[in-house]
Amino acid sequence: MAIVRDLETVNAELQEQKERVENVDFKMITFSLAGKDYGVDIMNVKEIAKADKFTYVPNAASYVRGVYNLRGDIIPIVDLRAFFHLPVEKNETAFENMLILRIEDRVYGTIVDKIDKVVGINSESIQPPHPIFGDINIKFISGVVEKQGALYIILDVIRIFSVNEDDKNKPRRQEVSGDAYYMPPPVQETAAGPDADGAVSALDFIRQSLPAIRHFYPSPVNEQWIRERFTGWSIGRQGPELQLKDTKDADSFLAQFYSPCSGAFWNEDYAAAVKAALPELSSRQIQIWNVGCGKGYETFSFACILKSRYQGVMFKIWANDSDIMAISQAPSMFFDVDEVPEYCRAYMVRGPNGYSFTQEIKDSILFEYHDVLNDNSLPELDLILARDILSFLPVQEQEKLIVQFEERLKSRGMVFLGQNEELAEAEWRSVAKQPVSAFMHRE
């Protein structure tokens, strides 16, 4: 009986060990640094990415490769090899392997040699760290574990990215759009340009920050306004005050950019300015493209102006927006007559739920869900209305859309942009300025 009990005990212990090994309660993304295998808790990994271009950050620590635009969010990029003073493998493709980490409410990019796979383990199998297991400081290791013959060093990324005020080797941080990222000390320089050491100017920093914080993309379309705005905005500011630290700062900088009556019916003065800028058109069928029409307020405003300006002429407005909720509600909106400007009221009828536009006006507008970056099947156009649209597209997409304008417009066609946007003088001729910005293509 004693032998039987001992065997039962052994079997029970073996079964317990088997269950413990098979109980996967910890998953990690594994990768290599200088030929050794490492892992990081999968709960801290936002995504995996590759990139080849980073924006240089002057005066940052040697392991900070710069900042990177991750779909509109600017994040700091830390080279873990440089951070741990490890040799760097030669990169034949120029694209770096990156783990995008989320540490609490902040996002960081980390460069590694190679990203391997997801490995699941039992947390009880993780052993305490020991200096013999790695070439890095033990305080950055949360443990080591063996899996299928491979020994993984598990990094404590929370500790790595915790900024300690006593750590003099780390640069300061600034808060941008909810995420903290590494930045140099304030640039002691004016808006004129880079300093003697090549550091970016305060104006350049503004240009780099706007896409991240407010998805506003500096380009030739808005460059003149940015410079003029910076001149006035920078008065009385110096050092850190010349940098955009958060959405409040960015909104303050952009407050004067937007065209009048954004997201609302155009007031009498702006409507009169638009009407005065409209060209003489001989066609009896006018085709219009309204890009980014939102809830339809500007579309209805423009339709009423067109009806007044080109009496007896048929017109069709293709009103597009990528906000599916707004575009779906636009055709059936009702209004209080007091909120509708006088020039629109002649084209409205009263119903049980309030005032709406006449069927003739409604029939002249086709509200469609459409992403302006995708192809479309529009006819040749007489007018394009795209207020404050270009500046909120990446520069490459701005250029693509401008080419569409050129290809779609008839010879006497006109483009209406935001009041602080402009097209290149070499290809376009300005025909109206402030508060209306309108252009015709040069023949």
Protein backbone atom coordinates (compact mmCIF):
# COMPACT_ATOMS: atom_id res chain seq x y z
CA MET A 1 0.00 0.00 0.00
CA ALA A 2 2.87 2.37 0.74
CA ILE A 3 4.24 1.87 -2.77
CA VAL A 4 0.83 2.52 -4.26
CA ARG A 5 0.47 5.71 -2.28
CA ASP A 6 3.90 6.92 -3.39
CA LEU A 7 3.04 6.29 -7.05
CA GLU A 8 -0.24 8.11 -6.63
CA THR A 9 1.61 11.03 -5.10
CA VAL A 10 4.11 11.10 -7.95
CA ASN A 11 1.34 10.91 -10.56
CA ALA A 12 -0.54 13.69 -8.83
CA GLU A 13 2.56 15.87 -8.79
CA LEU A 14 3.23 15.17 -12.48
CA GLN A 15 -0.36 16.00 -13.34
CA GLU A 16 -0.18 19.21 -11.33
CA GLN A 17 3.01 20.21 -13.15
CA LYS A 18 1.42 19.42 -16.51
CA GLU A 19 -1.64 21.50 -15.72
CA ARG A 20 0.51 24.35 -14.53
CA VAL A 21 2.56 24.31 -17.73
CA GLU A 22 -0.53 24.14 -19.94
CA ASN A 23 -2.28 26.94 -18.06
CA VAL A 24 -1.32 29.89 -20.25
CA ASP A 25 -2.06 33.08 -18.35
CA PHE A 26 0.69 35.32 -19.74
CA LYS A 27 1.38 36.15 -23.39
CA MET A 28 4.31 38.10 -24.71
CA ILE A 29 5.56 39.42 -28.02
CA THR A 30 9.07 38.07 -28.56
CA PHE A 31 11.86 39.81 -30.45
CA SER A 32 15.63 39.86 -30.70
CA LEU A 33 18.26 42.38 -29.69
CA ALA A 34 21.90 41.72 -30.53
CA GLY A 35 21.21 38.01 -31.06
CA LYS A 36 19.37 37.38 -27.80
CA ASP A 37 15.68 36.69 -27.31
CA TYR A 38 13.49 39.11 -25.41
CA GLY A 39 9.80 39.42 -24.63
CA VAL A 40 7.35 42.10 -23.60
CA ASP A 41 3.88 41.69 -22.10
CA ILE A 42 1.41 41.62 -24.99
CA MET A 43 -0.92 43.86 -22.97
CA ASN A 44 1.58 46.69 -23.46
CA VAL A 45 1.84 46.19 -27.22
CA LYS A 46 -0.48 48.37 -29.29
CA GLU A 47 0.70 47.14 -32.68
CA ILE A 48 3.69 46.10 -34.79
CA ALA A 49 4.96 48.42 -37.51
CA LYS A 50 7.80 49.15 -39.94
CA ALA A 51 9.09 52.62 -40.75
CA ASP A 52 12.06 54.23 -42.46
CA LYS A 53 11.67 57.95 -41.80
CA PHE A 54 11.78 59.67 -38.43
CA THR A 55 11.77 63.39 -37.68
CA TYR A 56 14.95 64.46 -35.94
CA VAL A 57 14.55 65.93 -32.46
CA PRO A 58 17.47 68.21 -31.55
CA ASN A 59 19.18 67.82 -28.18
CA ALA A 60 17.37 64.55 -27.44
CA ALA A 61 19.15 61.59 -25.86
CA SER A 62 21.26 59.43 -28.15
CA TYR A 63 18.76 56.55 -28.05
CA VAL A 64 15.86 58.74 -29.25
CA ARG A 65 15.73 58.30 -33.03
CA GLY A 66 13.17 61.09 -33.35
CA VAL A 67 9.41 61.30 -33.63
CA TYR A 68 7.14 59.48 -36.06
CA ASN A 69 3.72 60.27 -37.51
CA LEU A 70 1.62 57.17 -36.77
CA ARG A 71 -1.62 57.85 -38.67
CA GLY A 72 -1.72 61.43 -37.46
CA ASP A 73 -0.35 60.85 -33.94
CA ILE A 74 3.20 61.98 -33.27
CA ILE A 75 5.00 59.44 -31.08
CA PRO A 76 8.61 59.25 -29.83
CA ILE A 77 10.83 56.53 -31.27
CA VAL A 78 13.36 54.91 -28.95
CA ASP A 79 16.01 52.53 -30.28
CA LEU A 80 16.22 49.83 -27.61
CA ARG A 81 19.62 48.75 -28.92
CA ALA A 82 21.07 52.20 -28.29
CA PHE A 83 19.19 52.45 -25.00
CA PHE A 84 20.89 49.28 -23.74
CA HIS A 85 24.24 50.04 -25.46
CA LEU A 86 23.93 46.96 -27.68
CA PRO A 87 25.41 46.51 -31.16
CA VAL A 88 23.09 47.37 -34.06
CA GLU A 89 22.55 44.88 -36.86
CA LYS A 90 23.07 46.20 -40.36
CA ASN A 91 19.70 47.00 -41.91
CA GLU A 92 19.62 46.11 -45.60
CA THR A 93 16.07 47.39 -46.23
CA ALA A 94 16.28 50.69 -44.28
CA PHE A 95 12.89 49.85 -42.74
CA GLU A 96 13.12 49.44 -38.97
CA ASN A 97 11.12 46.86 -37.03
CA MET A 98 9.04 48.59 -34.38
CA LEU A 99 6.92 47.58 -31.44
CA ILE A 100 4.36 50.29 -30.72
CA LEU A 101 3.88 50.22 -26.97
CA ARG A 102 1.10 51.71 -24.88
CA ILE A 103 2.28 52.52 -21.37
CA GLU A 104 -0.71 53.70 -19.37
CA ASP A 105 -2.13 56.53 -21.52
CA ARG A 106 1.01 57.14 -23.57
CA VAL A 107 2.30 55.61 -26.79
CA TYR A 108 5.93 54.94 -27.72
CA GLY A 109 7.66 53.35 -30.68
CA THR A 110 10.60 51.02 -29.99
CA ILE A 111 13.09 49.79 -32.58
CA VAL A 112 14.35 46.19 -32.31
CA ASP A 113 16.38 43.91 -34.58
CA LYS A 114 13.65 41.41 -35.40
CA ILE A 115 10.13 40.70 -34.17
CA ASP A 116 9.42 36.98 -33.78
CA LYS A 117 6.05 35.75 -32.53
CA VAL A 118 3.51 35.61 -29.71
CA VAL A 119 4.49 33.16 -26.97
CA GLY A 120 2.08 31.98 -24.27
CA ILE A 121 3.39 30.79 -20.93
CA ASN A 122 2.31 30.16 -17.36
CA SER A 123 3.29 33.14 -15.24
CA GLU A 124 4.46 30.76 -12.50
CA SER A 125 7.24 29.57 -14.79
CA ILE A 126 8.81 33.05 -14.91
CA GLN A 127 12.02 33.15 -12.90
CA PRO A 128 13.52 36.19 -11.16
CA PRO A 129 16.07 38.11 -13.26
CA HIS A 130 19.78 37.60 -12.86
CA PRO A 131 22.59 39.64 -14.42
CA ILE A 132 23.96 36.56 -16.14
CA PHE A 133 20.90 36.37 -18.42
CA GLY A 134 21.39 39.61 -20.28
CA ASP A 135 23.62 42.45 -21.34
CA ILE A 136 21.23 45.06 -19.95
CA ASN A 137 20.66 46.58 -16.57
CA ILE A 138 18.81 44.12 -14.34
CA LYS A 139 16.41 46.83 -13.16
CA PHE A 140 14.80 46.79 -16.62
CA ILE A 141 14.18 43.02 -16.53
CA SER A 142 11.00 41.67 -14.94
CA GLY A 143 11.99 38.02 -15.31
CA VAL A 144 13.30 35.21 -17.52
CA VAL A 145 11.49 32.18 -18.85
CA GLU A 146 12.33 29.13 -20.93
CA LYS A 147 9.95 27.98 -23.65
CA GLN A 148 10.60 25.20 -26.15
CA GLY A 149 14.34 25.41 -25.66
CA ALA A 150 14.56 29.20 -25.97
CA LEU A 151 15.39 31.48 -23.07
CA TYR A 152 13.48 34.77 -23.10
CA ILE A 153 14.40 37.88 -21.12
CA ILE A 154 11.17 39.70 -20.26
CA LEU A 155 11.57 43.48 -20.25
CA ASP A 156 9.84 45.74 -17.75
CA VAL A 157 8.73 48.38 -20.25
CA ILE A 158 6.82 50.34 -17.64
CA ARG A 159 10.05 50.96 -15.76
CA ILE A 160 11.96 51.67 -18.97
CA PHE A 161 9.55 54.42 -19.97
CA SER A 162 8.99 55.87 -16.53
CA VAL A 163 10.70 59.23 -16.56
CA ASN A 164 12.67 59.63 -13.37
CA GLU A 165 13.60 63.18 -12.44
CA ASP A 166 16.84 61.86 -11.00
CA ASP A 167 17.81 60.29 -14.33
CA LYS A 168 19.79 63.11 -15.87
CA ASN A 169 20.42 61.20 -19.08
CA LYS A 170 16.79 61.34 -20.17
CA PRO A 171 15.34 64.36 -21.97
CA ARG A 172 12.30 66.22 -20.80
CA ARG A 173 8.76 65.43 -21.90
CA GLN A 174 5.90 67.47 -23.20
CA GLU A 175 2.27 66.52 -23.39
CA VAL A 176 0.82 66.45 -26.89
CA SER A 177 -2.70 65.28 -27.67
CA GLY A 178 -2.81 63.13 -24.55
CA ASP A 179 0.48 61.34 -25.24
CA ALA A 180 3.84 62.23 -23.72
CA TYR A 181 6.78 62.25 -26.05
CA TYR A 182 10.42 63.14 -25.76
CA MET A 183 11.31 66.68 -26.74
CA PRO A 184 14.44 68.81 -26.44
CA PRO A 185 14.74 71.86 -24.24
CA PRO A 186 13.05 74.96 -25.68
CA VAL A 187 14.67 76.20 -28.88
CA GLN A 188 16.38 79.50 -28.16
CA GLU A 189 15.69 80.89 -31.60
CA THR A 190 13.31 83.13 -33.48
CA ALA A 191 10.97 82.38 -36.34
CA ALA A 192 13.64 83.25 -38.90
CA GLY A 193 14.96 79.73 -39.36
CA PRO A 194 17.33 77.09 -37.96
CA ASP A 195 20.02 78.17 -35.55
CA ALA A 196 23.72 77.66 -36.11
CA ASP A 197 23.56 74.08 -34.87
CA GLY A 198 20.76 73.20 -37.27
CA ALA A 199 18.04 73.01 -34.62
CA VAL A 200 14.54 73.51 -35.93
CA SER A 201 13.03 76.97 -35.56
CA ALA A 202 9.98 77.70 -33.47
CA LEU A 203 7.99 78.11 -36.67
CA ASP A 204 9.21 74.71 -37.91
CA PHE A 205 8.14 73.20 -34.61
CA ILE A 206 4.67 74.67 -35.14
CA ARG A 207 4.57 73.07 -38.58
CA GLN A 208 5.52 69.68 -37.14
CA SER A 209 3.08 69.85 -34.24
CA LEU A 210 -0.11 70.85 -36.07
CA PRO A 211 -0.55 67.54 -37.95
CA ALA A 212 -0.21 65.57 -34.73
CA ILE A 213 -2.48 67.64 -32.56
CA ARG A 214 -5.16 68.86 -34.97
CA HIS A 215 -4.52 66.95 -38.23
CA PHE A 216 -3.73 70.26 -39.91
CA TYR A 217 -1.05 69.80 -42.59
CA PRO A 218 1.16 72.78 -43.46
CA SER A 219 1.71 73.09 -47.22
CA PRO A 220 1.84 75.70 -49.99
CA VAL A 221 -1.96 75.85 -49.66
CA ASN A 222 -1.73 77.50 -46.23
CA GLU A 223 1.94 78.51 -45.86
CA GLN A 224 1.34 82.23 -46.20
CA TRP A 225 -1.34 82.16 -43.51
CA ILE A 226 0.87 80.12 -41.16
CA ARG A 227 3.69 82.64 -41.45
CA GLU A 228 1.43 85.63 -40.94
CA ARG A 229 -0.35 83.94 -38.07
CA PHE A 230 2.92 82.99 -36.39
CA THR A 231 4.15 86.57 -36.60
CA GLY A 232 1.17 87.83 -34.62
CA TRP A 233 0.81 84.81 -32.35
CA SER A 234 4.46 84.80 -31.26
CA ILE A 235 4.44 88.39 -29.99
CA GLY A 236 5.20 88.33 -26.27
CA ARG A 237 5.98 84.60 -26.31
CA GLN A 238 9.38 83.00 -25.86
CA GLY A 239 10.96 79.65 -25.09
CA PRO A 240 8.37 76.94 -24.33
CA GLU A 241 5.54 79.40 -25.06
CA LEU A 242 6.50 79.23 -28.74
CA GLN A 243 5.66 75.53 -28.82
CA LEU A 244 2.26 73.89 -29.15
CA LYS A 245 1.95 71.61 -26.15
CA ASP A 246 -1.64 70.43 -26.40
CA THR A 247 -4.97 70.84 -28.19
CA LYS A 248 -5.68 74.10 -26.37
CA ASP A 249 -2.53 75.67 -27.80
CA ALA A 250 -3.23 74.31 -31.29
CA ASP A 251 -6.83 75.55 -31.21
CA SER A 252 -5.59 78.97 -30.15
CA PHE A 253 -3.16 79.04 -33.07
CA LEU A 254 -5.78 77.87 -35.60
CA ALA A 255 -8.66 79.98 -34.27
CA GLN A 256 -8.31 82.56 -37.03
CA PHE A 257 -7.87 80.05 -39.85
CA TYR A 258 -11.41 78.84 -40.42
CA SER A 259 -13.75 80.35 -42.99
CA PRO A 260 -16.81 82.34 -41.86
CA CYS A 261 -19.94 80.45 -40.85
CA SER A 262 -18.33 77.00 -40.66
CA GLY A 263 -20.98 74.40 -39.91
CA ALA A 264 -23.81 76.97 -40.17
CA PHE A 265 -25.86 78.87 -42.72
CA TRP A 266 -23.79 81.57 -44.38
CA ASN A 267 -24.65 85.02 -43.08
CA GLU A 268 -25.83 87.81 -45.37
CA ASP A 269 -22.40 89.44 -45.75
CA TYR A 270 -20.57 86.24 -46.65
CA ALA A 271 -23.35 85.15 -49.00
CA ALA A 272 -23.12 88.51 -50.80
CA ALA A 273 -19.34 88.12 -51.15
CA VAL A 274 -19.73 84.63 -52.64
CA LYS A 275 -22.43 85.82 -55.04
CA ALA A 276 -20.22 88.68 -56.21
CA ALA A 277 -17.33 86.29 -56.89
CA LEU A 278 -19.36 83.89 -59.05
CA PRO A 279 -18.30 83.93 -62.72
CA GLU A 280 -20.40 84.55 -65.79
CA LEU A 281 -21.45 81.13 -67.09
CA SER A 282 -23.04 80.50 -70.46
CA SER A 283 -24.08 76.92 -69.76
CA ARG A 284 -27.77 76.22 -69.11
CA GLN A 285 -26.82 73.29 -66.86
CA ILE A 286 -24.36 74.16 -64.08
CA GLN A 287 -22.50 71.31 -62.35
CA ILE A 288 -21.13 71.84 -58.83
CA TRP A 289 -19.06 69.69 -56.49
CA ASN A 290 -19.35 70.50 -52.78
CA VAL A 291 -16.48 68.71 -51.03
CA GLY A 292 -16.91 68.11 -47.30
CA CYS A 293 -20.47 69.42 -47.06
CA GLY A 294 -20.95 68.30 -43.45
CA LYS A 295 -24.57 68.57 -42.32
CA GLY A 296 -25.52 70.48 -45.46
CA TYR A 297 -25.80 74.05 -44.15
CA GLU A 298 -23.25 75.43 -46.60
CA THR A 299 -24.74 73.34 -49.43
CA PHE A 300 -28.21 74.82 -48.92
CA SER A 301 -26.68 78.31 -48.57
CA PHE A 302 -24.78 77.90 -51.83
CA ALA A 303 -27.84 76.48 -53.61
CA CYS A 304 -29.92 79.54 -52.68
CA ILE A 305 -27.15 81.89 -53.85
CA LEU A 306 -26.87 80.02 -57.15
CA LYS A 307 -30.63 80.15 -57.61
CA SER A 308 -30.54 83.91 -57.16
CA ARG A 309 -27.41 84.49 -59.28
CA TYR A 310 -28.24 82.24 -62.24
CA GLN A 311 -31.98 82.70 -62.63
CA GLY A 312 -33.65 80.26 -64.96
CA VAL A 313 -30.57 78.01 -65.10
CA MET A 314 -30.62 74.37 -64.00
CA PHE A 315 -27.90 73.32 -61.60
CA LYS A 316 -26.83 70.14 -59.84
CA ILE A 317 -24.75 69.95 -56.66
CA TRP A 318 -22.88 66.78 -55.76
CA ALA A 319 -22.53 67.23 -51.99
CA ASN A 320 -20.06 64.76 -50.46
CA ASP A 321 -18.85 64.04 -46.97
CA SER A 322 -17.25 61.12 -45.13
CA ASP A 323 -19.41 61.70 -42.02
CA ILE A 324 -22.16 59.18 -42.69
CA MET A 325 -24.42 60.45 -39.89
CA ALA A 326 -24.29 64.04 -41.12
CA ILE A 327 -24.77 63.17 -44.77
CA SER A 328 -27.72 60.88 -44.08
CA GLN A 329 -29.60 63.55 -42.12
CA ALA A 330 -28.91 66.48 -44.45
CA PRO A 331 -31.70 65.92 -47.03
CA SER A 332 -34.50 65.75 -44.46
CA MET A 333 -33.60 68.58 -42.08
CA PHE A 334 -36.21 71.01 -40.75
CA PHE A 335 -35.44 74.47 -39.43
CA ASP A 336 -36.82 77.25 -37.30
CA VAL A 337 -37.35 80.15 -39.69
CA ASP A 338 -35.47 82.49 -37.35
CA GLU A 339 -32.25 80.52 -37.81
CA VAL A 340 -32.41 80.75 -41.61
CA PRO A 341 -30.90 83.85 -43.29
CA GLU A 342 -33.20 86.10 -45.30
CA TYR A 343 -31.78 85.21 -48.72
CA CYS A 344 -32.75 81.54 -48.14
CA ARG A 345 -36.32 82.07 -47.01
CA ALA A 346 -37.73 82.54 -50.52
CA TYR A 347 -36.73 78.94 -51.22
CA MET A 348 -38.38 77.37 -48.17
CA VAL A 349 -41.79 75.94 -47.34
CA ARG A 350 -43.49 75.41 -44.04
CA GLY A 351 -44.39 71.91 -42.90
CA PRO A 352 -45.74 70.22 -39.75
CA ASN A 353 -42.23 69.88 -38.29
CA GLY A 354 -40.90 73.29 -39.26
CA TYR A 355 -39.45 74.88 -42.37
CA SER A 356 -37.63 72.91 -45.08
CA PHE A 357 -36.30 73.79 -48.51
CA THR A 358 -38.51 73.53 -51.56
CA GLN A 359 -38.54 70.37 -53.58
CA GLU A 360 -36.79 72.21 -56.39
CA ILE A 361 -33.85 73.03 -54.14
CA LYS A 362 -33.76 69.50 -52.71
CA ASP A 363 -33.85 67.96 -56.18
CA SER A 364 -30.87 70.07 -57.21
CA ILE A 365 -28.69 68.54 -54.47
CA LEU A 366 -27.42 64.98 -54.28
CA PHE A 367 -26.07 64.26 -50.80
CA GLU A 368 -23.72 61.28 -50.93
CA TYR A 369 -21.40 59.56 -48.51
CA HIS A 370 -17.99 59.74 -50.14
CA ASP A 371 -14.35 59.89 -49.10
CA VAL A 372 -12.74 62.61 -51.19
CA LEU A 373 -9.53 60.56 -51.36
CA ASN A 374 -11.30 57.86 -53.36
CA ASP A 375 -12.09 58.02 -57.06
CA ASN A 376 -15.41 59.48 -58.18
CA SER A 377 -17.43 59.62 -61.39
CA LEU A 378 -18.28 63.31 -61.50
CA PRO A 379 -18.97 65.10 -64.80
CA GLU A 380 -17.09 68.19 -65.95
CA LEU A 381 -17.65 70.88 -63.35
CA ASP A 382 -18.41 74.59 -63.43
CA LEU A 383 -17.84 75.20 -59.72
CA ILE A 384 -16.07 73.43 -56.84
CA LEU A 385 -16.75 74.36 -53.23
CA ALA A 386 -14.07 73.01 -50.86
CA ARG A 387 -13.73 75.37 -47.92
CA ASP A 388 -11.08 74.42 -45.32
CA ILE A 389 -10.77 70.92 -46.76
CA LEU A 390 -7.30 70.79 -48.30
CA SER A 391 -5.45 71.90 -45.17
CA PHE A 392 -6.76 68.94 -43.19
CA LEU A 393 -5.45 66.37 -45.66
CA PRO A 394 -1.87 65.05 -45.76
CA VAL A 395 0.20 67.02 -48.25
CA GLN A 396 0.30 64.20 -50.80
CA GLU A 397 -3.48 63.96 -50.68
CA GLN A 398 -3.78 67.73 -51.03
CA GLU A 399 -1.78 67.54 -54.23
CA LYS A 400 -3.90 64.65 -55.50
CA LEU A 401 -7.14 66.55 -54.86
CA ILE A 402 -5.83 69.70 -56.55
CA VAL A 403 -5.06 67.60 -59.63
CA GLN A 404 -8.67 66.39 -59.54
CA PHE A 405 -9.84 70.00 -59.44
CA GLU A 406 -7.77 70.78 -62.50
CA GLU A 407 -8.99 67.73 -64.40
CA ARG A 408 -12.68 68.18 -63.55
CA LEU A 409 -13.10 71.91 -64.08
CA LYS A 410 -14.35 73.40 -67.33
CA SER A 411 -12.37 76.21 -68.94
CA ARG A 412 -14.27 78.91 -67.05
CA GLY A 413 -14.62 76.83 -63.91
CA MET A 414 -13.94 78.22 -60.45
CA VAL A 415 -12.72 76.71 -57.16
CA PHE A 416 -13.80 78.16 -53.81
CA LEU A 417 -11.35 77.32 -51.00
CA GLY A 418 -11.21 78.35 -47.35
CA GLN A 419 -10.59 82.05 -46.79
CA ASN A 420 -6.96 81.37 -45.78
CA GLU A 421 -6.15 78.77 -48.43
CA GLU A 422 -4.65 79.40 -51.85
CA LEU A 423 -3.51 77.58 -54.98
CA ALA A 424 -0.18 77.95 -56.76
CA GLU A 425 -0.01 81.17 -58.80
CA ALA A 426 1.81 79.40 -61.63
CA GLU A 427 -1.21 77.21 -62.38
CA TRP A 428 -4.09 79.14 -60.83
CA ARG A 429 -5.33 82.72 -60.97
CA SER A 430 -6.85 84.31 -57.88
CA VAL A 431 -10.22 85.90 -58.66
CA ALA A 432 -11.46 86.67 -55.14
CA LYS A 433 -9.84 87.23 -51.75
CA GLN A 434 -11.04 87.65 -48.16
CA PRO A 435 -13.43 86.58 -47.00
CA VAL A 436 -13.89 84.53 -50.16
CA SER A 437 -10.90 82.74 -51.68
CA ALA A 438 -11.61 81.71 -55.29
CA PHE A 439 -9.40 80.57 -58.17
CA MET A 440 -9.59 79.85 -61.88
CA HIS A 441 -7.15 77.58 -63.67
CA ARG A 442 -4.78 79.37 -66.02
CA GLU A 443 -5.16 78.40 -69.65
